[in-house]
N, C-alpha and C. Protein backbone atom coordinates (compact mmCIF):
# COMPACT_ATOMS: atom_id res chain seq x y z
N MET A 1 14.93 -9.16 8.74
CA MET A 1 13.56 -8.72 8.53
C MET A 1 12.60 -9.74 9.13
N GLU A 2 11.55 -9.24 9.76
CA GLU A 2 10.51 -10.13 10.27
C GLU A 2 9.73 -10.71 9.09
N ASP A 3 8.64 -11.40 9.37
CA ASP A 3 7.85 -12.00 8.31
C ASP A 3 7.20 -10.95 7.41
N TYR A 4 6.93 -9.74 7.97
CA TYR A 4 6.26 -8.68 7.23
C TYR A 4 6.93 -7.34 7.48
N CYS A 5 6.85 -6.47 6.50
CA CYS A 5 7.26 -5.08 6.67
C CYS A 5 6.23 -4.21 5.99
N ARG A 6 6.36 -2.90 6.14
CA ARG A 6 5.46 -1.97 5.47
C ARG A 6 6.17 -1.38 4.26
N ILE A 7 5.38 -0.94 3.30
CA ILE A 7 5.97 -0.19 2.20
C ILE A 7 5.46 1.24 2.28
N PHE A 8 6.27 2.12 1.76
CA PHE A 8 5.98 3.55 1.78
C PHE A 8 6.42 4.10 0.43
N ILE A 9 5.83 5.18 -0.01
CA ILE A 9 6.21 5.81 -1.27
C ILE A 9 7.53 6.54 -1.07
N ASP A 10 8.52 6.20 -1.88
CA ASP A 10 9.84 6.82 -1.80
C ASP A 10 9.96 7.86 -2.92
N ILE A 11 9.85 9.13 -2.56
CA ILE A 11 9.91 10.20 -3.56
C ILE A 11 11.34 10.75 -3.58
N ARG A 12 11.95 10.68 -4.75
CA ARG A 12 13.31 11.19 -4.93
C ARG A 12 13.29 12.43 -5.82
N GLU A 13 14.32 13.24 -5.68
CA GLU A 13 14.41 14.47 -6.48
C GLU A 13 14.34 14.21 -7.97
N SER A 14 14.86 13.07 -8.38
CA SER A 14 14.93 12.75 -9.81
C SER A 14 13.65 12.13 -10.36
N ASP A 15 12.61 12.02 -9.52
CA ASP A 15 11.38 11.34 -9.93
C ASP A 15 10.21 12.29 -10.12
N ALA A 16 9.34 11.91 -11.05
CA ALA A 16 8.02 12.54 -11.12
C ALA A 16 7.26 12.04 -9.89
N PHE A 17 6.35 12.85 -9.38
CA PHE A 17 5.56 12.38 -8.24
C PHE A 17 4.14 12.92 -8.30
N VAL A 18 3.25 12.15 -7.71
CA VAL A 18 1.83 12.47 -7.72
C VAL A 18 1.54 13.49 -6.62
N THR A 19 0.84 14.55 -6.99
CA THR A 19 0.40 15.52 -5.98
C THR A 19 -1.06 15.30 -5.62
N SER A 20 -1.80 14.66 -6.53
CA SER A 20 -3.22 14.44 -6.25
C SER A 20 -3.80 13.39 -7.18
N LEU A 21 -4.64 12.54 -6.62
CA LEU A 21 -5.45 11.59 -7.39
C LEU A 21 -6.89 11.98 -7.13
N LYS A 22 -7.58 12.38 -8.18
CA LYS A 22 -8.96 12.84 -8.01
C LYS A 22 -9.93 11.82 -8.61
N PHE A 23 -10.78 11.30 -7.74
CA PHE A 23 -11.89 10.44 -8.15
C PHE A 23 -12.87 10.41 -6.99
N PRO A 24 -14.08 9.94 -7.21
CA PRO A 24 -15.12 10.04 -6.18
C PRO A 24 -14.71 9.46 -4.82
N GLU A 25 -15.02 10.21 -3.78
CA GLU A 25 -14.68 9.79 -2.41
C GLU A 25 -15.29 8.43 -2.07
N LYS A 26 -16.46 8.15 -2.59
CA LYS A 26 -17.11 6.85 -2.36
C LYS A 26 -16.21 5.71 -2.83
N GLU A 27 -15.55 5.90 -3.97
CA GLU A 27 -14.64 4.88 -4.50
C GLU A 27 -13.32 4.89 -3.73
N LYS A 28 -12.82 6.06 -3.37
CA LYS A 28 -11.57 6.16 -2.59
C LYS A 28 -11.69 5.40 -1.28
N ASN A 29 -12.83 5.53 -0.63
CA ASN A 29 -13.02 4.87 0.67
C ASN A 29 -12.92 3.35 0.56
N LYS A 30 -13.21 2.81 -0.59
CA LYS A 30 -13.14 1.36 -0.79
C LYS A 30 -11.69 0.85 -0.74
N LEU A 31 -10.72 1.75 -0.93
CA LEU A 31 -9.32 1.35 -0.93
C LEU A 31 -8.84 0.87 0.44
N THR A 32 -9.56 1.17 1.49
CA THR A 32 -9.16 0.71 2.82
C THR A 32 -10.14 -0.28 3.43
N THR A 33 -11.14 -0.68 2.66
CA THR A 33 -12.14 -1.61 3.20
C THR A 33 -12.13 -2.97 2.50
N GLY A 34 -11.35 -3.10 1.44
CA GLY A 34 -11.30 -4.37 0.73
C GLY A 34 -12.43 -4.58 -0.25
N GLU A 35 -13.14 -3.52 -0.60
CA GLU A 35 -14.24 -3.60 -1.56
C GLU A 35 -13.74 -3.33 -2.97
N LEU A 36 -14.38 -3.95 -3.95
CA LEU A 36 -14.04 -3.68 -5.35
C LEU A 36 -14.44 -2.26 -5.73
N ILE A 37 -13.62 -1.64 -6.54
CA ILE A 37 -13.89 -0.29 -7.05
C ILE A 37 -14.53 -0.44 -8.42
N ASP A 38 -15.39 0.50 -8.75
CA ASP A 38 -16.00 0.52 -10.08
C ASP A 38 -14.89 0.64 -11.13
N GLU A 39 -14.81 -0.34 -12.00
CA GLU A 39 -13.74 -0.40 -13.02
C GLU A 39 -13.79 0.78 -13.98
N LYS A 40 -14.94 1.44 -14.09
CA LYS A 40 -15.10 2.54 -15.05
C LYS A 40 -14.84 3.90 -14.41
N VAL A 41 -14.39 3.94 -13.16
CA VAL A 41 -14.17 5.20 -12.48
C VAL A 41 -13.11 6.02 -13.22
N ASN A 42 -13.36 7.31 -13.35
CA ASN A 42 -12.41 8.21 -13.99
C ASN A 42 -11.48 8.76 -12.92
N ILE A 43 -10.18 8.55 -13.09
CA ILE A 43 -9.20 8.98 -12.11
C ILE A 43 -8.29 10.02 -12.77
N ASP A 44 -8.27 11.21 -12.19
CA ASP A 44 -7.43 12.29 -12.69
C ASP A 44 -6.16 12.35 -11.83
N VAL A 45 -5.01 12.25 -12.49
CA VAL A 45 -3.73 12.24 -11.78
C VAL A 45 -3.01 13.56 -12.03
N GLU A 46 -2.66 14.23 -10.94
CA GLU A 46 -1.87 15.46 -11.06
C GLU A 46 -0.45 15.14 -10.63
N LEU A 47 0.52 15.57 -11.46
CA LEU A 47 1.94 15.25 -11.24
C LEU A 47 2.79 16.50 -11.13
N LYS A 48 3.93 16.33 -10.49
CA LYS A 48 5.02 17.31 -10.50
C LYS A 48 6.22 16.61 -11.11
N ASN A 49 7.12 17.38 -11.68
CA ASN A 49 8.35 16.85 -12.29
C ASN A 49 8.06 15.88 -13.42
N LYS A 50 7.14 16.23 -14.30
CA LYS A 50 6.72 15.33 -15.38
C LYS A 50 7.85 14.92 -16.32
N THR A 51 8.91 15.69 -16.37
CA THR A 51 10.02 15.36 -17.27
C THR A 51 11.04 14.45 -16.61
N LYS A 52 10.82 14.08 -15.39
CA LYS A 52 11.76 13.25 -14.63
C LYS A 52 11.46 11.76 -14.83
N ASN A 53 12.15 10.92 -14.06
CA ASN A 53 11.91 9.47 -14.09
C ASN A 53 10.54 9.15 -13.49
N TYR A 54 9.92 8.12 -13.99
CA TYR A 54 8.63 7.67 -13.48
C TYR A 54 8.85 6.38 -12.68
N PRO A 55 8.75 6.44 -11.34
CA PRO A 55 8.97 5.24 -10.54
C PRO A 55 7.83 4.23 -10.69
N ASP A 56 8.07 3.02 -10.22
CA ASP A 56 7.07 1.95 -10.31
C ASP A 56 5.95 2.10 -9.29
N LEU A 57 6.20 2.82 -8.21
CA LEU A 57 5.18 3.08 -7.19
C LEU A 57 5.07 4.58 -6.99
N MET A 58 3.85 5.09 -7.10
CA MET A 58 3.57 6.50 -6.84
C MET A 58 2.22 6.59 -6.13
N GLY A 59 1.91 7.77 -5.65
CA GLY A 59 0.61 7.99 -5.02
C GLY A 59 0.62 9.29 -4.25
N ASP A 60 -0.56 9.77 -3.90
CA ASP A 60 -0.61 10.99 -3.11
C ASP A 60 -0.71 10.69 -1.61
N THR A 61 -1.10 9.49 -1.27
CA THR A 61 -1.11 9.02 0.12
C THR A 61 -0.93 7.51 0.07
N MET A 62 -0.79 6.88 1.23
CA MET A 62 -0.67 5.42 1.24
C MET A 62 -2.00 4.75 0.93
N ARG A 63 -3.08 5.49 0.95
CA ARG A 63 -4.37 4.92 0.55
C ARG A 63 -4.43 4.84 -0.96
N ASN A 64 -3.96 5.88 -1.63
CA ASN A 64 -4.08 6.00 -3.08
C ASN A 64 -2.75 5.67 -3.76
N LEU A 65 -2.53 4.40 -4.04
CA LEU A 65 -1.29 3.95 -4.66
C LEU A 65 -1.50 3.65 -6.13
N ILE A 66 -0.58 4.11 -6.97
CA ILE A 66 -0.61 3.72 -8.37
C ILE A 66 0.72 3.04 -8.68
N ILE A 67 0.63 2.02 -9.52
CA ILE A 67 1.80 1.20 -9.82
C ILE A 67 1.98 1.04 -11.32
N SER A 68 3.21 0.77 -11.71
CA SER A 68 3.55 0.58 -13.11
C SER A 68 3.12 -0.81 -13.60
N GLU A 69 3.19 -0.99 -14.89
CA GLU A 69 2.92 -2.31 -15.50
C GLU A 69 3.88 -3.36 -14.92
N LYS A 70 5.14 -2.98 -14.74
CA LYS A 70 6.16 -3.90 -14.20
C LYS A 70 5.77 -4.36 -12.79
N PHE A 71 5.36 -3.43 -11.94
CA PHE A 71 4.95 -3.76 -10.58
C PHE A 71 3.70 -4.64 -10.62
N LYS A 72 2.76 -4.30 -11.49
CA LYS A 72 1.52 -5.08 -11.63
C LYS A 72 1.83 -6.52 -12.02
N GLN A 73 2.72 -6.71 -12.99
CA GLN A 73 3.07 -8.06 -13.45
C GLN A 73 3.69 -8.88 -12.32
N LEU A 74 4.50 -8.24 -11.50
CA LEU A 74 5.10 -8.93 -10.37
C LEU A 74 4.02 -9.36 -9.36
N LEU A 75 3.11 -8.46 -9.04
CA LEU A 75 2.03 -8.80 -8.11
C LEU A 75 1.16 -9.94 -8.65
N GLU A 76 0.93 -9.94 -9.94
CA GLU A 76 0.12 -11.01 -10.55
C GLU A 76 0.81 -12.36 -10.44
N LEU A 77 2.13 -12.37 -10.39
CA LEU A 77 2.88 -13.63 -10.23
C LEU A 77 2.83 -14.13 -8.79
N ILE A 78 2.76 -13.21 -7.85
CA ILE A 78 2.94 -13.57 -6.44
C ILE A 78 1.64 -13.67 -5.65
N GLU A 79 0.69 -12.81 -5.94
CA GLU A 79 -0.54 -12.76 -5.13
C GLU A 79 -1.72 -13.34 -5.91
N GLU A 80 -2.66 -13.93 -5.19
CA GLU A 80 -3.87 -14.47 -5.82
C GLU A 80 -4.65 -13.34 -6.48
N PRO A 81 -5.15 -13.56 -7.71
CA PRO A 81 -5.87 -12.50 -8.42
C PRO A 81 -7.07 -11.94 -7.67
N LYS A 82 -7.73 -12.75 -6.87
CA LYS A 82 -8.92 -12.29 -6.15
C LYS A 82 -8.57 -11.39 -4.96
N LYS A 83 -7.28 -11.21 -4.69
CA LYS A 83 -6.85 -10.44 -3.52
C LYS A 83 -6.43 -9.02 -3.87
N ILE A 84 -6.36 -8.71 -5.17
CA ILE A 84 -5.96 -7.37 -5.61
C ILE A 84 -6.76 -6.98 -6.85
N GLN A 85 -6.95 -5.69 -7.01
CA GLN A 85 -7.66 -5.16 -8.17
C GLN A 85 -6.80 -4.05 -8.77
N PHE A 86 -6.72 -4.03 -10.09
CA PHE A 86 -5.94 -3.03 -10.80
C PHE A 86 -6.88 -2.21 -11.68
N ILE A 87 -6.93 -0.90 -11.46
CA ILE A 87 -7.76 -0.01 -12.26
C ILE A 87 -6.82 0.80 -13.16
N PRO A 88 -6.94 0.69 -14.49
CA PRO A 88 -6.04 1.43 -15.39
C PRO A 88 -6.13 2.94 -15.15
N VAL A 89 -4.96 3.57 -15.16
CA VAL A 89 -4.84 5.01 -14.94
C VAL A 89 -3.81 5.55 -15.94
N ASP A 90 -4.15 6.64 -16.59
CA ASP A 90 -3.21 7.31 -17.50
C ASP A 90 -2.40 8.32 -16.68
N VAL A 91 -1.09 8.14 -16.70
CA VAL A 91 -0.19 9.06 -16.00
C VAL A 91 0.70 9.71 -17.05
N SER A 92 0.27 10.88 -17.54
CA SER A 92 1.01 11.61 -18.58
C SER A 92 1.34 10.71 -19.77
N GLY A 93 0.33 9.95 -20.23
CA GLY A 93 0.50 9.09 -21.38
C GLY A 93 1.16 7.75 -21.08
N LYS A 94 1.49 7.50 -19.83
CA LYS A 94 2.10 6.23 -19.43
C LYS A 94 1.04 5.36 -18.75
N LYS A 95 1.14 4.06 -18.95
CA LYS A 95 0.16 3.11 -18.41
C LYS A 95 0.50 2.75 -16.96
N TYR A 96 -0.37 3.14 -16.06
CA TYR A 96 -0.26 2.81 -14.64
C TYR A 96 -1.59 2.23 -14.18
N PHE A 97 -1.61 1.79 -12.92
CA PHE A 97 -2.80 1.17 -12.35
C PHE A 97 -2.99 1.64 -10.91
N LEU A 98 -4.23 1.97 -10.57
CA LEU A 98 -4.57 2.19 -9.17
C LEU A 98 -4.58 0.81 -8.53
N LEU A 99 -3.88 0.67 -7.43
CA LEU A 99 -3.79 -0.61 -6.73
C LEU A 99 -4.82 -0.65 -5.61
N ASN A 100 -5.76 -1.56 -5.74
CA ASN A 100 -6.76 -1.77 -4.70
C ASN A 100 -6.45 -3.10 -4.03
N ILE A 101 -6.00 -3.04 -2.80
CA ILE A 101 -5.64 -4.25 -2.04
C ILE A 101 -6.91 -4.75 -1.36
N LEU A 102 -7.38 -5.89 -1.81
CA LEU A 102 -8.64 -6.45 -1.29
C LEU A 102 -8.42 -7.24 0.00
N ASN A 103 -7.16 -7.55 0.29
CA ASN A 103 -6.81 -8.21 1.55
C ASN A 103 -6.82 -7.18 2.67
N VAL A 104 -7.94 -7.01 3.33
CA VAL A 104 -8.02 -6.17 4.52
C VAL A 104 -8.36 -7.14 5.65
N ILE A 105 -7.34 -7.44 6.45
CA ILE A 105 -7.41 -8.59 7.35
C ILE A 105 -7.35 -8.15 8.81
N SER A 106 -8.22 -8.72 9.61
CA SER A 106 -8.19 -8.50 11.06
C SER A 106 -7.07 -9.37 11.63
N CYS A 107 -5.94 -8.73 11.95
CA CYS A 107 -4.78 -9.51 12.41
C CYS A 107 -4.00 -8.80 13.52
N PHE A 108 -4.57 -7.74 14.09
CA PHE A 108 -3.91 -7.00 15.16
C PHE A 108 -3.95 -7.82 16.44
N ASN A 109 -2.80 -8.02 17.06
CA ASN A 109 -2.73 -8.76 18.30
C ASN A 109 -2.93 -7.77 19.46
N TRP A 110 -4.14 -7.74 20.00
CA TRP A 110 -4.51 -6.77 21.04
C TRP A 110 -3.79 -7.03 22.35
N GLU A 111 -3.36 -8.26 22.59
CA GLU A 111 -2.70 -8.59 23.85
C GLU A 111 -1.21 -8.26 23.83
N GLN A 112 -0.54 -8.46 22.71
CA GLN A 112 0.92 -8.30 22.69
C GLN A 112 1.40 -6.97 22.11
N SER A 113 0.57 -6.28 21.36
CA SER A 113 0.96 -4.99 20.78
C SER A 113 0.94 -3.91 21.86
N LYS A 114 1.71 -2.84 21.61
CA LYS A 114 1.69 -1.67 22.49
C LYS A 114 1.04 -0.55 21.72
N TYR A 115 -0.03 0.02 22.31
CA TYR A 115 -0.84 0.98 21.58
C TYR A 115 -1.66 1.84 22.54
N THR A 116 -2.20 2.91 21.97
CA THR A 116 -3.20 3.71 22.68
C THR A 116 -4.43 3.73 21.79
N THR A 117 -5.57 4.01 22.41
CA THR A 117 -6.82 4.07 21.66
C THR A 117 -7.49 5.42 21.90
N PHE A 118 -8.46 5.70 21.08
CA PHE A 118 -9.32 6.86 21.32
C PHE A 118 -10.32 6.46 22.40
N SER A 119 -11.38 7.21 22.60
CA SER A 119 -12.35 6.88 23.66
C SER A 119 -12.95 5.49 23.46
N ASN A 120 -13.10 5.07 22.20
CA ASN A 120 -13.54 3.71 21.91
C ASN A 120 -12.31 2.80 22.00
N PRO A 121 -12.28 1.84 22.90
CA PRO A 121 -11.08 1.02 23.09
C PRO A 121 -10.72 0.11 21.90
N LYS A 122 -11.58 0.03 20.91
CA LYS A 122 -11.27 -0.77 19.72
C LYS A 122 -10.88 0.10 18.52
N VAL A 123 -10.70 1.41 18.76
CA VAL A 123 -10.25 2.31 17.70
C VAL A 123 -8.85 2.79 18.06
N LEU A 124 -7.87 2.33 17.29
CA LEU A 124 -6.47 2.62 17.57
C LEU A 124 -6.14 4.09 17.33
N ASP A 125 -5.33 4.64 18.23
CA ASP A 125 -4.79 5.98 18.07
C ASP A 125 -3.35 5.84 17.58
N GLU A 126 -2.45 5.38 18.45
CA GLU A 126 -1.05 5.17 18.06
C GLU A 126 -0.63 3.75 18.40
N VAL A 127 0.14 3.16 17.50
CA VAL A 127 0.69 1.83 17.73
C VAL A 127 2.20 1.98 17.74
N THR A 128 2.80 1.77 18.91
CA THR A 128 4.26 1.93 19.02
C THR A 128 5.00 0.60 18.90
N HIS A 129 4.28 -0.50 19.04
CA HIS A 129 4.88 -1.82 18.81
C HIS A 129 3.77 -2.76 18.33
N LEU A 130 3.80 -3.04 17.05
CA LEU A 130 2.77 -3.88 16.44
C LEU A 130 3.19 -5.34 16.48
N VAL A 131 2.27 -6.18 16.94
CA VAL A 131 2.43 -7.63 16.83
C VAL A 131 1.24 -8.12 16.02
N LEU A 132 1.53 -8.85 14.96
CA LEU A 132 0.48 -9.37 14.09
C LEU A 132 0.12 -10.80 14.48
N ASN A 133 -1.16 -11.13 14.41
CA ASN A 133 -1.58 -12.52 14.53
C ASN A 133 -1.26 -13.18 13.19
N LYS A 134 -0.42 -14.18 13.20
CA LYS A 134 0.08 -14.78 11.95
C LYS A 134 -0.92 -15.71 11.26
N GLU A 135 -1.79 -16.33 12.03
CA GLU A 135 -2.71 -17.32 11.45
C GLU A 135 -3.52 -16.78 10.27
N PRO A 136 -4.17 -15.59 10.38
CA PRO A 136 -4.96 -15.12 9.25
C PRO A 136 -4.11 -14.67 8.04
N LEU A 137 -2.79 -14.62 8.22
CA LEU A 137 -1.90 -14.11 7.16
C LEU A 137 -1.23 -15.20 6.35
N LYS A 138 -1.55 -16.46 6.63
CA LYS A 138 -0.91 -17.56 5.89
C LYS A 138 -1.17 -17.43 4.39
N GLY A 139 -0.10 -17.40 3.62
CA GLY A 139 -0.21 -17.32 2.16
C GLY A 139 -0.52 -15.93 1.63
N VAL A 140 -0.58 -14.93 2.51
CA VAL A 140 -0.90 -13.56 2.10
C VAL A 140 0.41 -12.80 1.88
N ASN A 141 0.52 -12.10 0.74
CA ASN A 141 1.74 -11.38 0.43
C ASN A 141 1.62 -9.87 0.46
N ILE A 142 0.41 -9.36 0.37
CA ILE A 142 0.19 -7.92 0.49
C ILE A 142 -1.17 -7.72 1.13
N PHE A 143 -1.22 -6.83 2.14
CA PHE A 143 -2.49 -6.63 2.84
C PHE A 143 -2.50 -5.30 3.59
N ARG A 144 -3.69 -4.94 3.97
CA ARG A 144 -3.92 -3.85 4.92
C ARG A 144 -4.52 -4.50 6.16
N MET A 145 -4.23 -3.92 7.31
CA MET A 145 -4.75 -4.44 8.56
C MET A 145 -6.10 -3.77 8.85
N LYS A 146 -7.13 -4.55 9.08
CA LYS A 146 -8.47 -4.01 9.29
C LYS A 146 -8.51 -2.97 10.42
N GLU A 147 -7.76 -3.22 11.46
CA GLU A 147 -7.78 -2.34 12.63
C GLU A 147 -7.06 -1.00 12.37
N GLU A 148 -6.20 -0.94 11.38
CA GLU A 148 -5.44 0.27 11.02
C GLU A 148 -5.17 0.19 9.52
N PRO A 149 -6.16 0.56 8.68
CA PRO A 149 -6.12 0.19 7.26
C PRO A 149 -5.26 1.03 6.32
N PHE A 150 -4.58 2.05 6.80
CA PHE A 150 -3.79 2.85 5.87
C PHE A 150 -2.42 2.25 5.53
N PRO A 151 -1.68 1.72 6.49
CA PRO A 151 -0.39 1.12 6.11
C PRO A 151 -0.59 -0.10 5.21
N VAL A 152 0.37 -0.30 4.32
CA VAL A 152 0.36 -1.47 3.44
C VAL A 152 1.50 -2.39 3.91
N PHE A 153 1.15 -3.62 4.21
CA PHE A 153 2.13 -4.61 4.67
C PHE A 153 2.42 -5.59 3.54
N ILE A 154 3.66 -6.04 3.49
CA ILE A 154 4.04 -7.05 2.50
C ILE A 154 4.83 -8.17 3.18
N SER A 155 4.77 -9.34 2.58
CA SER A 155 5.50 -10.50 3.10
C SER A 155 6.97 -10.42 2.71
N ARG A 156 7.76 -11.22 3.38
CA ARG A 156 9.19 -11.33 3.03
C ARG A 156 9.33 -11.77 1.56
N LYS A 157 8.46 -12.67 1.12
CA LYS A 157 8.51 -13.16 -0.27
C LYS A 157 8.31 -12.00 -1.25
N LEU A 158 7.31 -11.15 -1.02
CA LEU A 158 7.08 -10.01 -1.91
C LEU A 158 8.20 -8.99 -1.77
N HIS A 159 8.66 -8.74 -0.56
CA HIS A 159 9.78 -7.83 -0.34
C HIS A 159 10.97 -8.24 -1.20
N ASP A 160 11.35 -9.52 -1.11
CA ASP A 160 12.51 -10.00 -1.86
C ASP A 160 12.28 -9.89 -3.37
N ALA A 161 11.07 -10.16 -3.82
CA ALA A 161 10.76 -10.05 -5.25
C ALA A 161 10.84 -8.60 -5.72
N LEU A 162 10.34 -7.66 -4.91
CA LEU A 162 10.42 -6.24 -5.27
C LEU A 162 11.87 -5.81 -5.43
N VAL A 163 12.71 -6.26 -4.51
CA VAL A 163 14.14 -5.94 -4.58
C VAL A 163 14.77 -6.60 -5.82
N ASP A 164 14.51 -7.89 -6.02
CA ASP A 164 15.09 -8.62 -7.15
C ASP A 164 14.66 -8.05 -8.50
N TYR A 165 13.42 -7.60 -8.61
CA TYR A 165 12.89 -7.05 -9.87
C TYR A 165 13.27 -5.58 -10.06
N GLY A 166 13.90 -4.97 -9.05
CA GLY A 166 14.30 -3.57 -9.17
C GLY A 166 13.14 -2.59 -9.22
N ILE A 167 12.07 -2.91 -8.48
CA ILE A 167 10.91 -2.02 -8.43
C ILE A 167 11.32 -0.71 -7.74
N THR A 168 11.03 0.41 -8.39
CA THR A 168 11.44 1.71 -7.87
C THR A 168 10.28 2.44 -7.19
N GLY A 169 10.63 3.42 -6.37
CA GLY A 169 9.63 4.23 -5.69
C GLY A 169 9.13 3.61 -4.40
N VAL A 170 9.74 2.51 -3.98
CA VAL A 170 9.30 1.80 -2.78
C VAL A 170 10.34 1.98 -1.67
N GLU A 171 9.87 2.36 -0.51
CA GLU A 171 10.71 2.37 0.68
C GLU A 171 10.16 1.31 1.61
N PHE A 172 11.05 0.49 2.15
CA PHE A 172 10.64 -0.56 3.08
C PHE A 172 10.80 -0.05 4.50
N ILE A 173 9.78 -0.25 5.31
CA ILE A 173 9.80 0.19 6.70
C ILE A 173 9.76 -1.07 7.56
N TYR A 174 10.87 -1.33 8.23
CA TYR A 174 11.01 -2.58 8.96
C TYR A 174 10.55 -2.49 10.41
N THR A 175 10.41 -1.29 10.93
CA THR A 175 9.96 -1.15 12.31
C THR A 175 8.46 -1.42 12.41
N MET A 176 8.05 -1.97 13.51
CA MET A 176 6.63 -2.19 13.75
C MET A 176 6.06 -1.10 14.63
N ASP A 177 6.75 0.03 14.68
CA ASP A 177 6.25 1.24 15.34
C ASP A 177 5.51 2.00 14.24
N LEU A 178 4.19 2.00 14.27
CA LEU A 178 3.40 2.62 13.21
C LEU A 178 3.39 4.15 13.29
N THR A 179 4.03 4.70 14.31
CA THR A 179 4.16 6.16 14.38
C THR A 179 5.35 6.63 13.55
N VAL A 180 6.16 5.69 13.05
CA VAL A 180 7.34 6.00 12.26
C VAL A 180 7.03 5.72 10.80
N ASP A 181 7.28 6.71 9.93
CA ASP A 181 7.00 6.53 8.50
C ASP A 181 8.21 6.08 7.70
N PHE A 182 9.37 6.05 8.32
CA PHE A 182 10.57 5.64 7.60
C PHE A 182 11.61 5.18 8.60
N ASP A 183 12.56 4.35 8.13
CA ASP A 183 13.67 3.95 8.99
C ASP A 183 14.71 5.04 8.98
N SER A 184 15.22 5.39 10.13
CA SER A 184 16.28 6.40 10.17
C SER A 184 17.60 5.78 10.48
């Protein structure tokens, strides 16, 4: 594994899964900009398979991630508190948290990555080989990339901790081809 990989929601047949997280779009947009969300926001979670297992990571998209108490406690051990925000969410009577990753870092290496852009050359379309600038990532364990804010990246340290703690619902994506959502 390189220094960083992406995480993705791993939905299994035996798991409950989120079909929708409903809360104001103004607050949702903050999930990819590194802004704090209003702590009093009301978040409505719609689920399927409510009688199944509840994984530690769920969400309706990679922007809207909810995590279990176990996952939250692990992040609190590994990441600086000012870099993440946890908003309590009721998931069928179970305690979960909306994960707001405040680390939105400009770290895209424009010279070494392989990519296409839209008409604006600074707006990425597809990234087939991502190279990260490592300097801004020193000591960072979970982040979104400012230039492409939907994927969630984690450090090797957090990856290993997630595996060691048995965090469920997480798929690790080791390729730096951002057009691929899973390893095949």
